[in-house]
Protein backbone atom coordinates (compact mmCIF):
# COMPACT_ATOMS: atom_id res chain seq x y z
CA MET A 1 -26.37 12.53 11.84
CA ALA A 2 -29.49 11.29 13.62
CA GLU A 3 -29.92 8.73 10.84
CA TRP A 4 -26.40 7.38 11.46
CA ARG A 5 -27.04 7.24 15.21
CA ALA A 6 -30.26 5.30 14.70
CA LYS A 7 -28.56 2.76 12.41
CA ALA A 8 -25.64 2.36 14.80
CA GLN A 9 -27.96 1.73 17.72
CA ALA A 10 -30.12 -0.68 15.72
CA HIS A 11 -27.06 -2.74 14.75
CA GLY A 12 -25.15 -2.30 18.00
CA TRP A 13 -22.20 -0.77 16.15
CA SER A 14 -19.29 0.99 17.83
CA LEU A 15 -18.26 4.41 16.55
CA ARG A 16 -15.53 2.77 14.43
CA GLU A 17 -17.95 0.22 12.97
CA THR A 18 -20.43 3.00 12.18
CA VAL A 19 -17.83 5.03 10.28
CA ILE A 20 -16.74 1.96 8.33
CA ALA A 21 -20.31 0.93 7.52
CA LEU A 22 -21.73 4.35 6.68
CA GLY A 23 -18.74 6.48 5.71
CA PRO A 24 -17.55 7.10 2.17
CA GLN A 25 -16.19 3.91 0.67
CA ARG A 26 -12.97 5.22 -0.84
CA GLY A 27 -10.80 2.46 0.48
CA HIS A 28 -10.70 -1.15 1.48
CA VAL A 29 -11.40 -2.48 4.94
CA GLY A 30 -10.74 -5.97 6.17
CA THR A 31 -8.28 -8.45 7.56
CA PRO A 32 -4.76 -8.59 6.13
CA SER A 33 -5.55 -11.95 4.52
CA GLY A 34 -8.85 -10.72 3.07
CA LEU A 35 -7.29 -7.54 1.70
CA ALA A 36 -4.40 -9.51 0.19
CA ASP A 37 -6.90 -11.82 -1.54
CA LYS A 38 -8.81 -8.81 -2.89
CA PHE A 39 -5.64 -7.07 -4.13
CA ALA A 40 -4.34 -10.32 -5.66
CA HIS A 41 -7.59 -10.66 -7.60
CA PHE A 42 -7.21 -7.11 -8.93
CA VAL A 43 -3.57 -7.71 -9.92
CA ARG A 44 -4.31 -11.00 -11.68
CA HIS A 45 -7.09 -9.40 -13.69
CA GLY A 46 -5.02 -6.36 -14.69
CA ALA A 47 -7.11 -3.89 -12.70
CA ILE A 48 -4.12 -2.53 -10.75
CA ASP A 49 -0.36 -2.59 -11.04
CA GLY A 50 0.63 -1.09 -7.70
CA PHE A 51 -0.57 -0.09 -4.26
CA ASN A 52 -0.97 3.16 -2.37
CA VAL A 53 -1.89 2.04 1.10
CA THR A 54 -2.96 4.40 3.87
CA PRO A 55 -3.67 3.02 7.32
CA TYR A 56 -6.97 3.67 9.03
CA LEU A 57 -5.15 4.71 12.20
CA ILE A 58 -1.85 6.58 12.29
CA PRO A 59 0.82 5.74 13.37
CA ASP A 60 -0.23 2.30 14.68
CA GLY A 61 -1.84 1.28 11.41
CA LEU A 62 1.50 1.55 9.63
CA ASP A 63 2.81 -1.33 11.75
CA ASP A 64 -0.23 -3.41 10.77
CA ILE A 65 0.47 -2.80 7.09
CA VAL A 66 4.17 -3.63 7.34
CA ASP A 67 3.87 -6.55 9.77
CA LEU A 68 0.58 -8.09 8.63
CA LEU A 69 -0.49 -6.99 5.13
CA VAL A 70 2.86 -6.92 3.32
CA PRO A 71 3.75 -10.54 4.22
CA GLU A 72 0.33 -11.65 2.97
CA LEU A 73 0.91 -9.83 -0.33
CA GLN A 74 4.39 -11.32 -0.63
CA GLU A 75 3.03 -14.79 0.05
CA ARG A 76 0.70 -14.35 -2.93
CA GLY A 77 3.56 -13.13 -5.13
CA ILE A 78 2.14 -9.65 -5.71
CA TYR A 79 4.59 -7.64 -3.60
CA ARG A 80 8.31 -7.92 -4.03
CA THR A 81 10.52 -9.44 -1.39
CA GLU A 82 13.77 -7.98 -2.75
CA TYR A 83 14.91 -5.06 -4.85
CA PRO A 84 17.47 -5.44 -7.65
CA GLY A 85 19.50 -2.38 -6.67
CA THR A 86 20.86 -0.99 -3.46
CA THR A 87 19.60 2.58 -3.96
CA LEU A 88 16.27 4.12 -4.89
CA ARG A 89 17.94 5.55 -8.00
CA GLU A 90 18.97 2.06 -9.12
CA ASN A 91 15.55 0.60 -8.40
CA LEU A 92 13.89 3.32 -10.48
CA GLY A 93 16.31 2.74 -13.36
CA LEU A 94 17.80 6.23 -13.20
CA ARG A 95 21.35 7.04 -14.30
CA GLU A 96 24.08 8.03 -11.86
CA PRO A 97 24.13 11.73 -10.99
CA LEU A 98 26.70 13.75 -12.92
CA THR A 99 28.75 14.38 -9.79
CA HIS A 100 29.30 10.63 -9.33
CA ARG A 101 30.49 9.77 -12.83
CA SER A 102 34.03 8.67 -13.44
CA ALA A 103 36.63 10.90 -15.08
CA GLN A 104 36.31 8.86 -18.28
CA ASP A 105 32.52 9.39 -18.33
CA ARG A 106 33.02 13.13 -17.91
CA ARG A 107 35.54 13.24 -20.80
CA GLN A 108 33.13 11.34 -23.06
CA ALA A 109 30.25 13.67 -22.16
CA GLY A 110 32.30 16.83 -22.69
């Protein structure tokens, strides 16, 4: 811990800057535009095919992702702007639940 404190003081870092600079690098840190550029590069080179994004701060960071990052990703064409279906089931390509099938469907299944 003393080592971290010494580096932070030498660089004039805040606590947040210290954690970002010296903490485990399991994620990505940057501006919405910079992160979108980085993710776009990964998508175009086949390194990723989706995103699991967790904000640095909760709950305020969620607003930053929705209001700032998502539009940047959409602008680059790597995050959809619309969904083909109106339900999660439709968007995942799942069949209708048995309880919602028509009488004819039930006769054919039985």
